[in-house]
Every structure is written in structure tokens, then in C-alpha cells.
Protein backbone atom coordinates (compact mmCIF):
# COMPACT_ATOMS: atom_id res chain seq x y z
CA MET A 1 -12.63 -2.22 8.11
CA LYS A 2 -8.94 -1.25 8.09
CA LEU A 3 -5.92 -2.38 6.16
CA ILE A 4 -2.78 -2.46 8.30
CA VAL A 5 0.45 -2.29 6.38
CA ALA A 6 3.36 -3.31 8.66
CA ILE A 7 6.97 -3.14 7.46
CA VAL A 8 9.11 -5.28 9.77
CA GLN A 9 12.62 -6.70 9.83
CA ASP A 10 12.95 -10.20 8.30
CA GLN A 11 14.02 -11.79 11.53
CA ASP A 12 10.85 -10.58 13.32
CA SER A 13 8.55 -11.78 10.56
CA PRO A 14 8.14 -15.52 11.39
CA SER A 15 7.01 -15.07 14.99
CA LEU A 16 4.77 -12.15 14.07
CA VAL A 17 3.06 -13.96 11.20
CA GLN A 18 2.65 -17.10 13.38
CA GLU A 19 0.99 -15.16 16.20
CA LEU A 20 -1.30 -13.25 13.80
CA THR A 21 -2.42 -16.41 12.07
CA ASP A 22 -2.87 -18.19 15.42
CA LYS A 23 -5.30 -15.43 16.41
CA GLU A 24 -7.07 -15.99 13.01
CA TYR A 25 -6.01 -12.74 11.35
CA ARG A 26 -5.41 -13.11 7.62
CA VAL A 27 -1.93 -11.91 6.57
CA THR A 28 -0.27 -11.39 3.19
CA LYS A 29 3.49 -11.40 3.30
CA LEU A 30 5.58 -9.51 0.79
CA ALA A 31 9.36 -9.38 0.49
CA SER A 32 10.72 -5.84 0.41
CA THR A 33 14.01 -4.01 0.77
CA GLY A 34 14.77 -1.05 3.03
CA GLY A 35 16.37 2.09 1.57
CA PHE A 36 18.84 3.01 4.26
CA LEU A 37 20.77 -0.24 4.91
CA LYS A 38 19.63 -1.88 1.67
CA ALA A 39 18.61 -4.86 3.87
CA GLY A 40 15.70 -7.22 3.32
CA ASN A 41 12.54 -6.71 5.28
CA THR A 42 9.00 -7.96 5.13
CA THR A 43 5.88 -5.99 4.39
CA LEU A 44 2.66 -7.46 5.84
CA LEU A 45 -0.83 -6.60 4.64
CA ILE A 46 -3.41 -7.33 7.32
CA GLY A 47 -7.14 -6.78 6.81
CA VAL A 48 -8.91 -6.24 10.11
CA GLU A 49 -12.25 -5.13 11.41
CA ASP A 50 -12.08 -1.78 13.29
CA ASP A 51 -12.42 -3.47 16.70
CA GLY A 52 -9.29 -5.68 15.95
CA VAL A 53 -6.90 -2.84 15.26
CA ASP A 54 -5.68 -2.48 18.81
CA GLU A 55 -5.04 -6.18 19.21
CA VAL A 56 -3.09 -6.35 15.94
CA THR A 57 -0.92 -3.37 16.80
CA GLN A 58 -0.17 -4.83 20.23
CA ILE A 59 0.87 -8.12 18.56
CA ILE A 60 3.14 -6.15 16.20
CA GLU A 61 4.70 -4.20 19.09
CA LYS A 62 5.31 -7.45 21.09
CA ASN A 63 7.05 -9.23 18.17
CA CYS A 64 9.04 -6.41 16.60
CA LYS A 65 11.71 -5.01 18.94
CA THR A 66 14.40 -2.52 18.02
CA ARG A 67 18.05 -3.53 18.40
CA ASP A 68 21.51 -2.03 17.69
CA ILE A 69 23.70 -3.49 14.95
CA THR A 70 27.21 -2.50 13.90
CA THR A 71 27.83 -2.06 10.23
CA SER A 72 31.26 -1.30 8.77
CA LEU A 73 30.24 -0.14 5.28
CA LEU A 74 27.35 2.19 4.93
CA PRO A 75 26.81 3.44 1.40
CA VAL A 76 26.44 7.15 1.14
CA THR A 77 24.70 8.71 -1.82
CA ALA A 78 27.24 11.15 -3.09
CA PRO A 79 29.20 11.80 -6.26
CA GLY A 80 31.50 8.86 -6.78
CA ASP A 81 29.58 6.55 -4.47
CA THR A 82 31.82 6.98 -1.39
CA PHE A 83 31.75 4.70 1.63
CA MET A 84 32.38 5.35 5.30
CA PRO A 85 35.15 2.84 6.20
CA TYR A 86 34.56 2.86 9.96
CA PRO A 87 32.12 0.86 12.08
CA MET A 88 28.85 2.57 12.76
CA VAL A 89 26.13 1.48 15.24
CA VAL A 90 22.61 1.86 13.92
CA LYS A 91 19.21 1.04 15.45
CA VAL A 92 17.15 -1.49 13.45
CA GLY A 93 13.98 -3.42 13.92
CA GLY A 94 10.67 -2.29 15.27
CA ALA A 95 7.99 -1.72 12.70
CA SER A 96 6.57 0.98 10.51
CA VAL A 97 2.81 0.63 10.65
CA PHE A 98 0.24 2.31 8.43
CA ILE A 99 -3.49 1.99 9.20
CA ILE A 100 -5.68 2.71 6.24
CA ASP A 101 -9.48 2.91 5.97
CA VAL A 102 -10.98 0.40 3.57
CA GLU A 103 -13.88 1.67 1.56
CA LYS A 104 -14.87 -1.72 0.22
CA HIS A 105 -13.66 -5.31 0.66
CA MET A 106 -14.54 -8.30 -1.48
CA ARG A 107 -13.56 -11.94 -1.38
CA VAL A 108 -14.24 -13.64 -4.69
């Protein structure tokens, strides 16, 4: 058994969770915040048997696409908390996926 931890952008979350539950995968959804843009995202915990890992990762890839956004204020960690006052295009979206071996699983 594996635990898949997927960190996805909030706007990708509804369609991803819907497709995973339609395919009868159990999903736990956690609200989280990214460190770079300080924007909300969603962390999903998905328990899956070994033979389902490929299908789940394909569903994640299908639902979580990268896109460019323009942001005008990007905080920079520096003395005095300075800001860059000009527009900057950054790539967001996609997913960060971690696949972890599960030693033991219990449902009580």
C-alpha cells in the first residue's frame, strides 16, 4: 500500500477530488498555504494499493495543469521586507506529488 501526498493549486482541487472519488479512491483534503506566493493550495492524502498508483498519478496529471500568472507584488525576504514593484510572470499549478510506502494501515 502507498500513501500519495499531492499538493495542488486550489482551483485544480475540485475537479481532481471529484474524479478520484468517482473512481472510488478515498481522499482526505487539507487546506495549506504555499511559501513562495503565499497563496492557498490544497494538500490531498490518498491511500492506494500498489497497483493503483499509476492510475492516481495519471488522474493528478490530467487535472493539475501549470499556467502563467502575473503578480505585481512579490514579497522578498530581506532586511526591511522589501517588495518588487514591477509585474512579474510566474508559473503556477501542476502538482507536487510524494509517494510513500505504508507499513501498516488500519480502519477502526
